Amino acid sequence: MAREDDEAVRPQNSPRWLEPRPLEALSVAELGEYVLALKAEIARAEAAAEAKKNHRAGIEALFGKKN
């Protein structure tokens, strides 16, 4: 049944590497650590996306916007 719950939570087009982790066996402390790790990974991904946007904006300012 837990697998069905995971399938309901996972977005339809989510990548395979983003598979939900089984949470039933984790303690409250482990769940807290897992949440902190996920938040850190989200912040890292957001920073990388922002850096790419800034890089692209700099290139477009230098060479003009590509259609």
PDB file of N, CA and C in Angstrom:
ATOM      1  N   MET A   1       0.813  -1.197   0.000  1.00  0.00           N
ATOM      2  CA  MET A   1       0.000   0.000   0.000  1.00  0.00           C
ATOM      3  C   MET A   1       0.857   1.263   0.000  1.00  0.00           C
ATOM      4  N   ALA A   2       1.981   1.222   0.671  1.00  0.00           N
ATOM      5  CA  ALA A   2       2.854   2.392   0.723  1.00  0.00           C
ATOM      6  C   ALA A   2       3.317   2.782  -0.676  1.00  0.00           C
ATOM      7  N   ARG A   3       3.566   1.807  -1.536  1.00  0.00           N
ATOM      8  CA  ARG A   3       4.017   2.098  -2.895  1.00  0.00           C
ATOM      9  C   ARG A   3       2.936   2.845  -3.665  1.00  0.00           C
ATOM     10  N   GLU A   4       1.680   2.469  -3.463  1.00  0.00           N
ATOM     11  CA  GLU A   4       0.577   3.176  -4.110  1.00  0.00           C
ATOM     12  C   GLU A   4       0.514   4.620  -3.637  1.00  0.00           C
ATOM     13  N   ASP A   5       0.760   4.843  -2.334  1.00  0.00           N
ATOM     14  CA  ASP A   5       0.776   6.198  -1.802  1.00  0.00           C
ATOM     15  C   ASP A   5       1.894   7.015  -2.441  1.00  0.00           C
ATOM     16  N   ASP A   6       3.068   6.380  -2.614  1.00  0.00           N
ATOM     17  CA  ASP A   6       4.185   7.056  -3.253  1.00  0.00           C
ATOM     18  C   ASP A   6       3.831   7.441  -4.686  1.00  0.00           C
ATOM     19  N   GLU A   7       3.176   6.550  -5.392  1.00  0.00           N
ATOM     20  CA  GLU A   7       2.782   6.831  -6.775  1.00  0.00           C
ATOM     21  C   GLU A   7       1.797   8.001  -6.832  1.00  0.00           C
ATOM     22  N   ALA A   8       0.917   8.099  -5.845  1.00  0.00           N
ATOM     23  CA  ALA A   8      -0.054   9.190  -5.825  1.00  0.00           C
ATOM     24  C   ALA A   8       0.636  10.526  -5.570  1.00  0.00           C
ATOM     25  N   VAL A   9       1.741  10.514  -4.825  1.00  0.00           N
ATOM     26  CA  VAL A   9       2.450  11.740  -4.474  1.00  0.00           C
ATOM     27  C   VAL A   9       3.361  12.202  -5.595  1.00  0.00           C
ATOM     28  N   ARG A  10       3.973  11.270  -6.318  1.00  0.00           N
ATOM     29  CA  ARG A  10       4.943  11.606  -7.356  1.00  0.00           C
ATOM     30  C   ARG A  10       4.241  12.240  -8.553  1.00  0.00           C
ATOM     31  N   PRO A  11       4.711  13.421  -8.986  1.00  0.00           N
ATOM     32  CA  PRO A  11       4.137  14.026 -10.188  1.00  0.00           C
ATOM     33  C   PRO A  11       4.271  13.090 -11.389  1.00  0.00           C
ATOM     34  N   GLN A  12       3.320  13.138 -12.275  1.00  0.00           N
ATOM     35  CA  GLN A  12       3.254  12.221 -13.412  1.00  0.00           C
ATOM     36  C   GLN A  12       4.520  12.206 -14.250  1.00  0.00           C
ATOM     37  N   ASN A  13       5.103  13.366 -14.497  1.00  0.00           N
ATOM     38  CA  ASN A  13       6.272  13.445 -15.380  1.00  0.00           C
ATOM     39  C   ASN A  13       7.577  13.614 -14.626  1.00  0.00           C
ATOM     40  N   SER A  14       7.625  13.229 -13.345  1.00  0.00           N
ATOM     41  CA  SER A  14       8.856  13.437 -12.589  1.00  0.00           C
ATOM     42  C   SER A  14       9.934  12.461 -13.060  1.00  0.00           C
ATOM     43  N   PRO A  15      11.185  12.915 -13.040  1.00  0.00           N
ATOM     44  CA  PRO A  15      12.276  12.044 -13.476  1.00  0.00           C
ATOM     45  C   PRO A  15      12.438  10.842 -12.551  1.00  0.00           C
ATOM     46  N   ARG A  16      13.018   9.768 -13.070  1.00  0.00           N
ATOM     47  CA  ARG A  16      13.204   8.548 -12.288  1.00  0.00           C
ATOM     48  C   ARG A  16      14.087   8.799 -11.072  1.00  0.00           C
ATOM     49  N   TRP A  17      15.078   9.703 -11.167  1.00  0.00           N
ATOM     50  CA  TRP A  17      15.964   9.952 -10.039  1.00  0.00           C
ATOM     51  C   TRP A  17      15.257  10.674  -8.913  1.00  0.00           C
ATOM     52  N   LEU A  18      14.042  11.123  -9.179  1.00  0.00           N
ATOM     53  CA  LEU A  18      13.268  11.837  -8.168  1.00  0.00           C
ATOM     54  C   LEU A  18      12.223  10.926  -7.529  1.00  0.00           C
ATOM     55  N   GLU A  19      12.488   9.643  -7.532  1.00  0.00           N
ATOM     56  CA  GLU A  19      11.565   8.676  -6.934  1.00  0.00           C
ATOM     57  C   GLU A  19      11.372   8.990  -5.450  1.00  0.00           C
ATOM     58  N   PRO A  20      10.154   8.905  -4.957  1.00  0.00           N
ATOM     59  CA  PRO A  20       9.928   9.113  -3.522  1.00  0.00           C
ATOM     60  C   PRO A  20      10.651   8.045  -2.704  1.00  0.00           C
ATOM     61  N   ARG A  21      11.185   8.452  -1.604  1.00  0.00           N
ATOM     62  CA  ARG A  21      11.890   7.541  -0.705  1.00  0.00           C
ATOM     63  C   ARG A  21      10.891   6.961   0.284  1.00  0.00           C
ATOM     64  N   PRO A  22      10.969   5.674   0.602  1.00  0.00           N
ATOM     65  CA  PRO A  22      10.064   5.095   1.593  1.00  0.00           C
ATOM     66  C   PRO A  22      10.289   5.770   2.949  1.00  0.00           C
ATOM     67  N   LEU A  23       9.239   6.326   3.512  1.00  0.00           N
ATOM     68  CA  LEU A  23       9.379   7.099   4.737  1.00  0.00           C
ATOM     69  C   LEU A  23       8.913   6.357   5.981  1.00  0.00           C
ATOM     70  N   GLU A  24       8.216   5.257   5.797  1.00  0.00           N
ATOM     71  CA  GLU A  24       7.618   4.553   6.930  1.00  0.00           C
ATOM     72  C   GLU A  24       8.653   4.077   7.940  1.00  0.00           C
ATOM     73  N   ALA A  25       9.813   3.656   7.474  1.00  0.00           N
ATOM     74  CA  ALA A  25      10.828   3.080   8.352  1.00  0.00           C
ATOM     75  C   ALA A  25      11.701   4.144   9.022  1.00  0.00           C
ATOM     76  N   LEU A  26      11.579   5.397   8.621  1.00  0.00           N
ATOM     77  CA  LEU A  26      12.426   6.452   9.177  1.00  0.00           C
ATOM     78  C   LEU A  26      11.863   6.967  10.497  1.00  0.00           C
ATOM     79  N   SER A  27      12.764   7.273  11.417  1.00  0.00           N
ATOM     80  CA  SER A  27      12.355   7.861  12.695  1.00  0.00           C
ATOM     81  C   SER A  27      12.047   9.342  12.487  1.00  0.00           C
ATOM     82  N   VAL A  28      11.521   9.963  13.511  1.00  0.00           N
ATOM     83  CA  VAL A  28      11.225  11.394  13.435  1.00  0.00           C
ATOM     84  C   VAL A  28      12.524  12.175  13.192  1.00  0.00           C
ATOM     85  N   ALA A  29      13.584  11.794  13.885  1.00  0.00           N
ATOM     86  CA  ALA A  29      14.872  12.472  13.700  1.00  0.00           C
ATOM     87  C   ALA A  29      15.390  12.274  12.273  1.00  0.00           C
ATOM     88  N   GLU A  30      15.285  11.059  11.757  1.00  0.00           N
ATOM     89  CA  GLU A  30      15.732  10.784  10.390  1.00  0.00           C
ATOM     90  C   GLU A  30      14.894  11.548   9.374  1.00  0.00           C
ATOM     91  N   LEU A  31      13.608  11.655   9.628  1.00  0.00           N
ATOM     92  CA  LEU A  31      12.747  12.436   8.729  1.00  0.00           C
ATOM     93  C   LEU A  31      13.166  13.903   8.745  1.00  0.00           C
ATOM     94  N   GLY A  32      13.490  14.419   9.918  1.00  0.00           N
ATOM     95  CA  GLY A  32      13.967  15.803  10.019  1.00  0.00           C
ATOM     96  C   GLY A  32      15.244  16.013   9.231  1.00  0.00           C
ATOM     97  N   GLU A  33      16.181  15.072   9.343  1.00  0.00           N
ATOM     98  CA  GLU A  33      17.431  15.153   8.589  1.00  0.00           C
ATOM     99  C   GLU A  33      17.167  15.064   7.085  1.00  0.00           C
ATOM    100  N   TYR A  34      16.236  14.213   6.709  1.00  0.00           N
ATOM    101  CA  TYR A  34      15.876  14.043   5.297  1.00  0.00           C
ATOM    102  C   TYR A  34      15.298  15.348   4.741  1.00  0.00           C
ATOM    103  N   VAL A  35      14.421  15.977   5.511  1.00  0.00           N
ATOM    104  CA  VAL A  35      13.831  17.243   5.088  1.00  0.00           C
ATOM    105  C   VAL A  35      14.911  18.308   4.939  1.00  0.00           C
ATOM    106  N   LEU A  36      15.833  18.383   5.902  1.00  0.00           N
ATOM    107  CA  LEU A  36      16.923  19.360   5.808  1.00  0.00           C
ATOM    108  C   LEU A  36      17.786  19.108   4.572  1.00  0.00           C
ATOM    109  N   ALA A  37      18.063  17.852   4.286  1.00  0.00           N
ATOM    110  CA  ALA A  37      18.861  17.513   3.105  1.00  0.00           C
ATOM    111  C   ALA A  37      18.127  17.905   1.821  1.00  0.00           C
ATOM    112  N   LEU A  38      16.822  17.656   1.780  1.00  0.00           N
ATOM    113  CA  LEU A  38      16.038  18.041   0.600  1.00  0.00           C
ATOM    114  C   LEU A  38      16.021  19.560   0.424  1.00  0.00           C
ATOM    115  N   LYS A  39      15.848  20.290   1.514  1.00  0.00           N
ATOM    116  CA  LYS A  39      15.849  21.753   1.438  1.00  0.00           C
ATOM    117  C   LYS A  39      17.201  22.272   0.955  1.00  0.00           C
ATOM    118  N   ALA A  40      18.285  21.650   1.424  1.00  0.00           N
ATOM    119  CA  ALA A  40      19.618  22.047   0.967  1.00  0.00           C
ATOM    120  C   ALA A  40      19.776  21.780  -0.526  1.00  0.00           C
ATOM    121  N   GLU A  41      19.264  20.647  -0.994  1.00  0.00           N
ATOM    122  CA  GLU A  41      19.354  20.319  -2.418  1.00  0.00           C
ATOM    123  C   GLU A  41      18.507  21.281  -3.254  1.00  0.00           C
ATOM    124  N   ILE A  42      17.342  21.655  -2.742  1.00  0.00           N
ATOM    125  CA  ILE A  42      16.501  22.635  -3.442  1.00  0.00           C
ATOM    126  C   ILE A  42      17.232  23.969  -3.546  1.00  0.00           C
ATOM    127  N   ALA A  43      17.837  24.416  -2.450  1.00  0.00           N
ATOM    128  CA  ALA A  43      18.583  25.682  -2.468  1.00  0.00           C
ATOM    129  C   ALA A  43      19.737  25.617  -3.466  1.00  0.00           C
ATOM    130  N   ARG A  44      20.421  24.472  -3.524  1.00  0.00           N
ATOM    131  CA  ARG A  44      21.522  24.299  -4.473  1.00  0.00           C
ATOM    132  C   ARG A  44      21.026  24.371  -5.911  1.00  0.00           C
ATOM    133  N   ALA A  45      19.900  23.720  -6.186  1.00  0.00           N
ATOM    134  CA  ALA A  45      19.332  23.735  -7.539  1.00  0.00           C
ATOM    135  C   ALA A  45      18.855  25.139  -7.913  1.00  0.00           C
ATOM    136  N   GLU A  46      18.234  25.836  -6.963  1.00  0.00           N
ATOM    137  CA  GLU A  46      17.778  27.204  -7.232  1.00  0.00           C
ATOM    138  C   GLU A  46      18.957  28.132  -7.498  1.00  0.00           C
ATOM    139  N   ALA A  47      20.048  27.962  -6.749  1.00  0.00           N
ATOM    140  CA  ALA A  47      21.239  28.787  -6.966  1.00  0.00           C
ATOM    141  C   ALA A  47      21.849  28.505  -8.338  1.00  0.00           C
ATOM    142  N   ALA A  48      21.878  27.244  -8.734  1.00  0.00           N
ATOM    143  CA  ALA A  48      22.411  26.895 -10.053  1.00  0.00           C
ATOM    144  C   ALA A  48      21.535  27.482 -11.166  1.00  0.00           C
ATOM    145  N   ALA A  49      20.231  27.418 -10.998  1.00  0.00           N
ATOM    146  CA  ALA A  49      19.320  27.984 -12.001  1.00  0.00           C
ATOM    147  C   ALA A  49      19.502  29.495 -12.095  1.00  0.00           C
ATOM    148  N   GLU A  50      19.640  30.147 -10.953  1.00  0.00           N
ATOM    149  CA  GLU A  50      19.840  31.604 -10.944  1.00  0.00           C
ATOM    150  C   GLU A  50      21.160  31.969 -11.606  1.00  0.00           C
ATOM    151  N   ALA A  51      22.205  31.199 -11.337  1.00  0.00           N
ATOM    152  CA  ALA A  51      23.502  31.462 -11.967  1.00  0.00           C
ATOM    153  C   ALA A  51      23.410  31.314 -13.482  1.00  0.00           C
ATOM    154  N   LYS A  52      22.678  30.317 -13.940  1.00  0.00           N
ATOM    155  CA  LYS A  52      22.519  30.122 -15.392  1.00  0.00           C
ATOM    156  C   LYS A  52      21.724  31.264 -16.013  1.00  0.00           C
ATOM    157  N   LYS A  53      20.688  31.734 -15.304  1.00  0.00           N
ATOM    158  CA  LYS A  53      19.911  32.878 -15.806  1.00  0.00           C
ATOM    159  C   LYS A  53      20.794  34.111 -15.915  1.00  0.00           C
ATOM    160  N   ASN A  54      21.608  34.350 -14.883  1.00  0.00           N
ATOM    161  CA  ASN A  54      22.490  35.519 -14.893  1.00  0.00           C
ATOM    162  C   ASN A  54      23.538  35.407 -15.998  1.00  0.00           C
ATOM    163  N   HIS A  55      24.072  34.215 -16.202  1.00  0.00           N
ATOM    164  CA  HIS A  55      25.049  34.001 -17.268  1.00  0.00           C
ATOM    165  C   HIS A  55      24.407  34.275 -18.631  1.00  0.00           C
ATOM    166  N   ARG A  56      23.219  33.739 -18.818  1.00  0.00           N
ATOM    167  CA  ARG A  56      22.527  33.948 -20.094  1.00  0.00           C
ATOM    168  C   ARG A  56      22.224  35.429 -20.317  1.00  0.00           C
ATOM    169  N   ALA A  57      21.779  36.112 -19.259  1.00  0.00           N
ATOM    170  CA  ALA A  57      21.490  37.545 -19.385  1.00  0.00           C
ATOM    171  C   ALA A  57      22.752  38.314 -19.769  1.00  0.00           C
ATOM    172  N   GLY A  58      23.889  37.921 -19.195  1.00  0.00           N
ATOM    173  CA  GLY A  58      25.145  38.577 -19.550  1.00  0.00           C
ATOM    174  C   GLY A  58      25.532  38.338 -21.000  1.00  0.00           C
ATOM    175  N   ILE A  59      25.356  37.114 -21.465  1.00  0.00           N
ATOM    176  CA  ILE A  59      25.665  36.791 -22.866  1.00  0.00           C
ATOM    177  C   ILE A  59      24.715  37.546 -23.798  1.00  0.00           C
ATOM    178  N   GLU A  60      23.435  37.591 -23.450  1.00  0.00           N
ATOM    179  CA  GLU A  60      22.476  38.314 -24.286  1.00  0.00           C
ATOM    180  C   GLU A  60      22.773  39.803 -24.315  1.00  0.00           C
ATOM    181  N   ALA A  61      23.236  40.358 -23.180  1.00  0.00           N
ATOM    182  CA  ALA A  61      23.582  41.770 -23.155  1.00  0.00           C
ATOM    183  C   ALA A  61      24.804  42.046 -24.028  1.00  0.00           C
ATOM    184  N   LEU A  62      25.692  41.086 -24.068  1.00  0.00           N
ATOM    185  CA  LEU A  62      26.915  41.272 -24.845  1.00  0.00           C
ATOM    186  C   LEU A  62      26.687  41.051 -26.345  1.00  0.00           C
ATOM    187  N   PHE A  63      25.960  39.992 -26.688  1.00  0.00           N
ATOM    188  CA  PHE A  63      25.798  39.616 -28.093  1.00  0.00           C
ATOM    189  C   PHE A  63      24.397  39.853 -28.647  1.00  0.00           C
ATOM    190  N   GLY A  64      23.454  40.209 -27.822  1.00  0.00           N
ATOM    191  CA  GLY A  64      22.086  40.378 -28.261  1.00  0.00           C
ATOM    192  C   GLY A  64      21.293  39.099 -28.023  1.00  0.00           C
ATOM    193  N   LYS A  65      20.002  39.242 -27.923  1.00  0.00           N
ATOM    194  CA  LYS A  65      19.147  38.106 -27.630  1.00  0.00           C
ATOM    195  C   LYS A  65      18.994  37.216 -28.854  1.00  0.00           C
ATOM    196  N   LYS A  66      19.134  35.912 -28.635  1.00  0.00           N
ATOM    197  CA  LYS A  66      18.981  34.923 -29.716  1.00  0.00           C
ATOM    198  C   LYS A  66      17.506  34.562 -29.834  1.00  0.00           C
ATOM    199  N   ASN A  67      16.995  34.537 -31.056  1.00  0.00           N
ATOM    200  CA  ASN A  67      15.583  34.180 -31.280  1.00  0.00           C
ATOM    201  C   ASN A  67      15.389  32.736 -31.335  1.00  0.00           C
TER     202      ASN A  67
END
